[in-house]
N, C-alpha and C. Protein backbone atom coordinates (compact mmCIF):
# COMPACT_ATOMS: atom_id res chain seq x y z
N MET A 1 -10.32 129.33 20.58
CA MET A 1 -8.96 128.80 20.12
C MET A 1 -8.20 128.28 21.23
N ALA A 2 -7.29 127.25 20.74
CA ALA A 2 -6.38 126.79 21.84
C ALA A 2 -5.06 127.07 21.47
N PHE A 3 -4.29 126.71 22.30
CA PHE A 3 -2.62 126.82 22.04
C PHE A 3 -2.29 125.67 21.19
N GLN A 4 -1.35 125.85 20.44
CA GLN A 4 -0.87 124.74 19.52
C GLN A 4 -0.22 123.46 20.44
N SER A 5 0.87 124.07 21.29
CA SER A 5 1.26 123.06 21.98
C SER A 5 1.56 123.32 23.23
N GLU A 6 2.01 122.47 24.09
CA GLU A 6 2.29 122.81 25.41
C GLU A 6 3.19 124.05 25.63
N GLU A 7 4.41 123.93 24.65
CA GLU A 7 5.56 124.96 24.71
C GLU A 7 4.81 126.47 24.39
N ASP A 8 3.69 126.39 23.52
CA ASP A 8 3.14 127.64 23.46
C ASP A 8 2.45 128.21 24.73
N LYS A 9 1.62 127.39 25.37
CA LYS A 9 1.26 127.76 26.48
C LYS A 9 2.15 128.16 27.56
N LYS A 10 3.29 127.56 27.95
CA LYS A 10 4.34 127.77 28.80
C LYS A 10 4.89 129.30 28.21
N ALA A 11 5.15 129.36 26.99
CA ALA A 11 5.74 130.85 26.49
C ALA A 11 4.72 131.80 26.71
N TYR A 12 3.27 131.61 26.38
CA TYR A 12 2.47 132.70 26.64
C TYR A 12 2.26 133.13 28.37
N TRP A 13 2.31 132.02 29.33
CA TRP A 13 2.43 132.42 30.73
C TRP A 13 3.61 132.89 31.06
N ARG A 14 4.51 132.73 30.56
CA ARG A 14 5.92 133.17 30.86
C ARG A 14 6.05 134.76 30.54
N LYS A 15 5.51 134.93 29.28
CA LYS A 15 5.36 136.56 28.74
C LYS A 15 4.39 137.13 29.55
N ASN A 16 3.49 136.54 30.16
CA ASN A 16 2.23 137.36 30.72
C ASN A 16 2.86 137.66 32.32
N LEU A 17 3.39 136.66 32.59
CA LEU A 17 3.91 136.73 34.12
C LEU A 17 5.20 137.94 34.11
N ASN A 18 6.09 137.90 32.90
CA ASN A 18 7.30 139.05 33.16
C ASN A 18 6.41 140.23 33.00
N LEU A 19 5.28 140.47 32.08
CA LEU A 19 4.68 141.63 32.04
C LEU A 19 4.10 142.15 33.27
N MET A 20 3.23 141.39 33.92
CA MET A 20 2.82 141.49 35.17
C MET A 20 3.69 142.01 36.26
N PHE A 21 4.87 141.16 36.31
CA PHE A 21 5.88 141.71 37.23
C PHE A 21 6.39 142.87 37.00
N SER A 22 6.82 143.26 35.83
CA SER A 22 7.37 144.46 35.40
C SER A 22 6.22 145.74 35.85
N LEU A 23 5.18 145.62 35.41
CA LEU A 23 4.28 146.76 35.82
C LEU A 23 3.82 146.82 37.29
N LEU A 24 3.86 145.49 37.97
CA LEU A 24 3.74 145.53 39.50
C LEU A 24 4.91 146.26 40.16
N VAL A 25 6.06 146.21 39.47
CA VAL A 25 7.50 146.91 39.96
C VAL A 25 7.32 148.28 40.02
N ILE A 26 6.71 148.69 38.74
CA ILE A 26 6.50 150.08 38.38
C ILE A 26 5.61 150.65 39.62
N TRP A 27 4.68 150.19 39.50
CA TRP A 27 3.51 150.88 40.38
C TRP A 27 4.00 150.80 41.73
N ALA A 28 4.69 149.79 42.44
CA ALA A 28 5.49 149.84 43.62
C ALA A 28 6.11 151.08 43.78
N LEU A 29 7.06 151.05 42.61
CA LEU A 29 8.06 152.36 42.88
C LEU A 29 7.26 153.55 42.94
N VAL A 30 6.06 153.86 42.07
CA VAL A 30 5.55 155.05 42.22
C VAL A 30 4.91 155.27 43.38
N SER A 31 3.99 154.20 43.79
CA SER A 31 3.25 154.52 44.97
C SER A 31 3.98 154.33 46.24
N TYR A 32 4.82 153.20 46.58
CA TYR A 32 5.57 153.17 47.61
C TYR A 32 6.65 154.15 47.72
N GLY A 33 7.74 154.11 46.60
CA GLY A 33 8.90 154.78 46.44
C GLY A 33 8.68 156.32 46.53
N PHE A 34 7.72 156.91 45.45
CA PHE A 34 7.68 158.18 45.32
C PHE A 34 6.62 158.61 46.31
N GLY A 35 5.36 158.08 46.60
CA GLY A 35 4.57 158.55 47.45
C GLY A 35 5.03 158.63 49.01
N ILE A 36 5.93 157.58 49.46
CA ILE A 36 6.25 157.45 50.75
C ILE A 36 7.70 157.65 51.13
N LEU A 37 8.49 156.86 50.64
CA LEU A 37 10.00 156.95 50.86
C LEU A 37 10.51 158.26 50.12
N LEU A 38 10.43 158.68 49.09
CA LEU A 38 10.94 159.83 48.21
C LEU A 38 10.24 161.03 48.74
N ARG A 39 9.16 161.14 49.55
CA ARG A 39 8.20 162.14 49.63
C ARG A 39 9.02 163.28 50.19
N PRO A 40 9.74 163.32 51.14
CA PRO A 40 10.47 164.54 51.67
C PRO A 40 11.34 165.10 50.64
N VAL A 41 12.04 164.31 49.81
CA VAL A 41 12.84 164.95 48.84
C VAL A 41 11.99 165.58 47.63
N MET A 42 10.96 164.95 47.09
CA MET A 42 10.09 165.44 46.20
C MET A 42 9.30 166.54 46.70
N ASP A 43 8.86 166.85 47.81
CA ASP A 43 8.07 168.00 48.26
C ASP A 43 8.72 169.44 48.03
N ALA A 44 10.07 169.26 47.72
CA ALA A 44 10.89 170.56 47.17
C ALA A 44 10.30 171.15 46.01
N ILE A 45 9.69 170.11 45.10
CA ILE A 45 9.19 170.61 43.85
C ILE A 45 7.79 170.90 43.97
N PRO A 46 7.31 172.27 43.79
CA PRO A 46 5.93 172.42 44.04
C PRO A 46 5.23 172.12 42.82
N VAL A 47 4.07 171.47 43.06
CA VAL A 47 2.99 171.42 41.91
C VAL A 47 1.43 171.75 42.38
N GLY A 48 1.28 172.75 41.88
CA GLY A 48 -0.24 173.30 42.11
C GLY A 48 -0.30 173.72 43.40
N GLY A 49 0.70 174.25 44.25
CA GLY A 49 0.56 174.84 45.64
C GLY A 49 1.02 173.62 46.35
N VAL A 50 1.11 172.29 46.20
CA VAL A 50 1.49 171.44 47.23
C VAL A 50 2.98 170.81 46.64
N GLY A 51 3.67 170.08 47.17
CA GLY A 51 4.82 169.30 47.01
C GLY A 51 4.61 168.07 46.16
N LEU A 52 5.63 167.77 45.13
CA LEU A 52 5.29 166.60 44.32
C LEU A 52 5.12 165.32 45.04
N GLY A 53 5.78 165.07 46.16
CA GLY A 53 5.67 164.18 46.91
C GLY A 53 4.21 163.88 47.44
N PHE A 54 3.76 164.84 47.98
CA PHE A 54 2.06 164.82 48.20
C PHE A 54 1.36 164.56 47.11
N TRP A 55 1.58 165.14 46.01
CA TRP A 55 0.87 164.86 44.87
C TRP A 55 1.12 163.25 44.35
N PHE A 56 2.09 162.67 44.39
CA PHE A 56 2.26 161.33 44.06
C PHE A 56 1.58 160.53 44.97
N ALA A 57 1.79 160.69 46.58
CA ALA A 57 0.92 160.06 47.42
C ALA A 57 -0.55 160.01 47.07
N GLN A 58 -1.34 161.39 46.69
CA GLN A 58 -2.61 161.39 46.72
C GLN A 58 -3.16 161.05 45.45
N GLN A 59 -2.56 161.52 44.28
CA GLN A 59 -3.11 161.21 42.95
C GLN A 59 -2.22 160.54 41.94
N GLY A 60 -0.83 160.63 41.87
CA GLY A 60 -0.03 160.16 41.00
C GLY A 60 -0.19 158.83 41.08
N SER A 61 0.06 157.92 42.12
CA SER A 61 -0.20 156.39 42.23
C SER A 61 -1.36 155.89 41.37
N ILE A 62 -2.43 156.83 41.76
CA ILE A 62 -3.74 156.36 40.99
C ILE A 62 -3.76 156.37 39.60
N TYR A 63 -3.42 157.72 39.30
CA TYR A 63 -3.07 157.85 37.64
C TYR A 63 -2.13 156.96 36.93
N VAL A 64 -1.11 156.40 37.78
CA VAL A 64 -0.19 155.47 37.06
C VAL A 64 -0.77 154.13 37.14
N PHE A 65 -1.54 153.97 38.08
CA PHE A 65 -2.26 152.58 38.06
C PHE A 65 -3.33 152.38 36.80
N LEU A 66 -4.10 153.45 36.77
CA LEU A 66 -4.77 153.53 35.67
C LEU A 66 -4.08 153.43 34.16
N ALA A 67 -3.16 153.93 34.03
CA ALA A 67 -2.32 154.11 32.94
C ALA A 67 -1.87 152.64 32.77
N ILE A 68 -1.19 151.87 33.88
CA ILE A 68 -0.80 150.48 33.81
C ILE A 68 -1.98 149.56 33.60
N VAL A 69 -3.21 149.80 33.86
CA VAL A 69 -4.24 149.02 33.75
C VAL A 69 -4.39 149.21 32.04
N ALA A 70 -4.57 150.06 31.55
CA ALA A 70 -4.59 150.41 29.96
C ALA A 70 -3.61 149.84 29.39
N PHE A 71 -2.34 149.81 29.67
CA PHE A 71 -1.18 149.22 29.03
C PHE A 71 -1.21 147.94 29.18
N TYR A 72 -1.69 147.40 29.94
CA TYR A 72 -1.89 146.00 30.31
C TYR A 72 -2.71 145.42 29.49
N ALA A 73 -3.96 145.92 29.26
CA ALA A 73 -4.97 145.38 28.22
C ALA A 73 -4.52 145.44 26.90
N LYS A 74 -3.68 146.61 26.66
CA LYS A 74 -3.12 146.61 25.32
C LYS A 74 -2.00 145.49 24.89
N LYS A 75 -1.04 145.35 25.81
CA LYS A 75 -0.17 144.30 25.82
C LYS A 75 -0.95 142.99 25.65
N MET A 76 -1.75 142.72 26.47
CA MET A 76 -2.29 141.26 26.50
C MET A 76 -3.14 141.06 25.18
N ARG A 77 -3.56 142.14 24.60
CA ARG A 77 -4.43 141.78 23.49
C ARG A 77 -3.55 141.58 22.23
N ALA A 78 -2.50 142.09 22.31
CA ALA A 78 -1.38 141.77 21.30
C ALA A 78 -0.77 140.36 21.47
N LEU A 79 -0.44 140.22 22.89
CA LEU A 79 -0.19 138.96 22.92
C LEU A 79 -1.12 137.76 22.98
N ASP A 80 -2.07 137.88 23.00
CA ASP A 80 -3.11 136.98 22.77
C ASP A 80 -3.26 136.85 21.12
N ARG A 81 -3.11 137.91 20.51
CA ARG A 81 -2.95 137.49 19.01
C ARG A 81 -1.73 136.96 18.46
N GLU A 82 -0.61 137.25 19.14
CA GLU A 82 0.57 136.66 18.96
C GLU A 82 0.46 135.15 18.91
N PHE A 83 -0.29 134.60 20.06
CA PHE A 83 -0.44 133.07 20.26
C PHE A 83 -1.70 132.35 19.89
N GLY A 84 -2.49 133.34 19.21
CA GLY A 84 -3.86 132.82 18.47
C GLY A 84 -4.85 132.47 19.35
N VAL A 85 -4.87 133.36 20.60
CA VAL A 85 -5.84 132.83 21.41
C VAL A 85 -6.72 134.07 21.70
N ASP A 86 -7.01 134.69 20.99
CA ASP A 86 -7.81 136.12 21.14
C ASP A 86 -9.27 135.83 20.66
N ASP A 87 -10.22 136.53 21.03
CA ASP A 87 -11.47 136.35 20.83
C ASP A 87 -12.13 137.02 19.42
N ASP A 88 -11.34 137.52 18.55
CA ASP A 88 -11.65 137.93 17.28
C ASP A 88 -11.62 136.93 16.27
């Protein structure tokens, strides 16, 4: 299927880029902010015998990344359906 108009194509990509930018900001905040910048503050909270900052640096950013990938796939499926460019 194809887009109905050039405006639909631009609206689709604008929504796609906004979604990607938002998710990248979240990932950067979690991986860089929580795992590096805020690590000393977060290490005061113990999780499984280690500080929360260490956990975010080692595991948390990976789990958040996987959640972001799943969320992005779900949102893009809905966006594709909204604009009539899905494969179904």
